[in-house]
């Protein structure tokens, strides 16, 4: 899985993906290392994680 670390709020990004019908594999959650993250699946079946450091 590839991860993209964001420097701003990721809540609107997840909301836009949901609105556009993107497959959300895992909705926004707190990781064990205190980051916030959500995971999507692209059209080729690859998982992409978006997270922000807390």
N, C-alpha and C. Protein backbone atom coordinates (compact mmCIF):
# COMPACT_ATOMS: atom_id res chain seq x y z
N UNK A 1 0.85 -1.17 0.00
CA UNK A 1 0.00 0.00 0.00
C UNK A 1 0.89 1.23 0.00
N UNK A 2 0.56 2.18 -0.82
CA UNK A 2 1.24 3.47 -0.85
C UNK A 2 0.53 4.41 0.11
N UNK A 3 1.31 5.31 0.73
CA UNK A 3 0.71 6.29 1.63
C UNK A 3 1.10 7.69 1.20
N UNK A 4 0.16 8.59 1.33
CA UNK A 4 0.39 9.99 1.06
C UNK A 4 0.15 10.75 2.36
N UNK A 5 1.18 11.41 2.85
CA UNK A 5 1.05 12.19 4.07
C UNK A 5 0.62 13.60 3.73
N UNK A 6 -0.44 14.03 4.37
CA UNK A 6 -1.01 15.34 4.10
C UNK A 6 -0.60 16.31 5.20
N UNK A 7 -0.52 17.59 4.85
CA UNK A 7 -0.17 18.60 5.84
C UNK A 7 -1.39 19.41 6.28
N UNK A 8 -2.54 19.06 5.75
CA UNK A 8 -3.77 19.75 6.11
C UNK A 8 -4.86 18.71 6.40
N UNK A 9 -6.02 19.18 6.72
CA UNK A 9 -7.11 18.31 7.13
C UNK A 9 -7.52 17.35 6.00
N UNK A 10 -7.67 16.07 6.34
CA UNK A 10 -8.04 15.08 5.32
C UNK A 10 -9.53 14.74 5.34
N UNK A 11 -10.27 15.30 6.29
CA UNK A 11 -11.71 15.02 6.36
C UNK A 11 -12.43 15.39 5.06
N UNK A 12 -12.20 16.59 4.50
CA UNK A 12 -12.90 16.94 3.25
C UNK A 12 -12.50 16.06 2.07
N UNK A 13 -11.26 15.58 2.07
CA UNK A 13 -10.81 14.72 0.97
C UNK A 13 -11.57 13.40 0.99
N UNK A 14 -11.68 12.80 2.18
CA UNK A 14 -12.43 11.54 2.29
C UNK A 14 -13.89 11.76 1.90
N UNK A 15 -14.46 12.86 2.33
CA UNK A 15 -15.86 13.16 2.02
C UNK A 15 -16.07 13.29 0.51
N UNK A 16 -15.13 13.96 -0.18
CA UNK A 16 -15.24 14.10 -1.62
C UNK A 16 -15.10 12.76 -2.33
N UNK A 17 -14.16 11.92 -1.88
CA UNK A 17 -14.01 10.59 -2.46
C UNK A 17 -15.30 9.79 -2.30
N UNK A 18 -15.92 9.85 -1.13
CA UNK A 18 -17.16 9.13 -0.88
C UNK A 18 -18.26 9.64 -1.82
N UNK A 19 -18.35 10.96 -1.96
CA UNK A 19 -19.36 11.57 -2.83
C UNK A 19 -19.19 11.12 -4.28
N UNK A 20 -17.94 10.97 -4.71
CA UNK A 20 -17.66 10.59 -6.10
C UNK A 20 -17.68 9.09 -6.34
N UNK A 21 -17.95 8.30 -5.29
CA UNK A 21 -18.11 6.87 -5.46
C UNK A 21 -16.82 6.06 -5.40
N UNK A 22 -15.76 6.65 -4.87
CA UNK A 22 -14.50 5.92 -4.72
C UNK A 22 -14.68 4.83 -3.66
N UNK A 23 -14.08 3.66 -3.88
CA UNK A 23 -14.18 2.56 -2.93
C UNK A 23 -13.32 2.87 -1.70
N UNK A 24 -13.96 3.16 -0.59
CA UNK A 24 -13.26 3.42 0.67
C UNK A 24 -13.06 2.07 1.36
N UNK A 25 -11.82 1.61 1.43
CA UNK A 25 -11.51 0.33 2.06
C UNK A 25 -11.64 0.44 3.57
N UNK A 26 -11.15 1.54 4.11
CA UNK A 26 -11.23 1.77 5.56
C UNK A 26 -11.45 3.26 5.78
N UNK A 27 -12.56 3.60 6.44
CA UNK A 27 -12.86 5.00 6.73
C UNK A 27 -11.86 5.55 7.73
N UNK A 28 -11.88 6.85 7.86
CA UNK A 28 -10.94 7.57 8.72
C UNK A 28 -10.87 6.93 10.10
N UNK A 29 -9.66 6.66 10.54
CA UNK A 29 -9.43 6.05 11.86
C UNK A 29 -8.13 6.57 12.45
N UNK A 30 -7.98 6.38 13.75
CA UNK A 30 -6.74 6.74 14.45
C UNK A 30 -5.83 5.52 14.45
N UNK A 31 -4.59 5.71 14.02
CA UNK A 31 -3.63 4.62 13.98
C UNK A 31 -2.99 4.40 15.35
N UNK A 32 -2.27 3.31 15.48
CA UNK A 32 -1.55 3.04 16.74
C UNK A 32 -0.48 4.08 17.02
N UNK A 33 -0.01 4.74 15.99
CA UNK A 33 1.04 5.74 16.15
C UNK A 33 0.47 7.16 16.11
N UNK A 34 -0.81 7.29 16.45
CA UNK A 34 -1.50 8.57 16.69
C UNK A 34 -1.64 9.46 15.45
N UNK A 35 -1.75 8.85 14.29
CA UNK A 35 -2.08 9.59 13.08
C UNK A 35 -3.52 9.30 12.71
N UNK A 36 -4.08 10.13 11.84
CA UNK A 36 -5.40 9.86 11.29
C UNK A 36 -5.20 9.40 9.86
N UNK A 37 -5.94 8.36 9.45
CA UNK A 37 -5.71 7.75 8.15
C UNK A 37 -6.99 7.18 7.57
N UNK A 38 -7.12 7.20 6.24
CA UNK A 38 -8.15 6.44 5.56
C UNK A 38 -7.53 5.81 4.32
N UNK A 39 -8.15 4.72 3.84
CA UNK A 39 -7.59 3.94 2.74
C UNK A 39 -8.64 3.78 1.65
N UNK A 40 -8.22 4.00 0.40
CA UNK A 40 -9.09 3.79 -0.74
C UNK A 40 -8.48 2.70 -1.64
N UNK A 41 -9.30 2.19 -2.56
CA UNK A 41 -8.81 1.24 -3.55
C UNK A 41 -8.97 1.87 -4.93
N UNK A 42 -7.89 1.88 -5.71
CA UNK A 42 -7.98 2.47 -7.05
C UNK A 42 -8.57 1.46 -8.04
N UNK A 43 -8.72 1.88 -9.28
CA UNK A 43 -9.38 1.02 -10.27
C UNK A 43 -8.58 -0.22 -10.62
N UNK A 44 -7.30 -0.24 -10.27
CA UNK A 44 -6.46 -1.42 -10.52
C UNK A 44 -6.34 -2.32 -9.29
N UNK A 45 -7.09 -1.99 -8.23
CA UNK A 45 -7.08 -2.82 -7.03
C UNK A 45 -5.98 -2.48 -6.03
N UNK A 46 -5.23 -1.42 -6.30
CA UNK A 46 -4.17 -1.02 -5.35
C UNK A 46 -4.77 -0.18 -4.23
N UNK A 47 -4.27 -0.38 -3.02
CA UNK A 47 -4.72 0.40 -1.88
C UNK A 47 -3.84 1.62 -1.71
N UNK A 48 -4.48 2.77 -1.48
CA UNK A 48 -3.79 4.03 -1.26
C UNK A 48 -4.24 4.61 0.07
N UNK A 49 -3.28 4.90 0.91
CA UNK A 49 -3.59 5.45 2.23
C UNK A 49 -3.32 6.94 2.27
N UNK A 50 -4.21 7.68 2.88
CA UNK A 50 -4.06 9.12 3.08
C UNK A 50 -4.03 9.35 4.58
N UNK A 51 -3.03 10.06 5.05
CA UNK A 51 -2.96 10.27 6.50
C UNK A 51 -2.39 11.63 6.84
N UNK A 52 -2.64 12.02 8.07
CA UNK A 52 -2.12 13.27 8.60
C UNK A 52 -1.50 12.96 9.96
N UNK A 53 -0.33 13.52 10.19
CA UNK A 53 0.35 13.30 11.47
C UNK A 53 -0.30 14.17 12.53
N UNK A 54 -0.59 13.55 13.65
CA UNK A 54 -1.22 14.28 14.75
C UNK A 54 -0.18 14.99 15.60
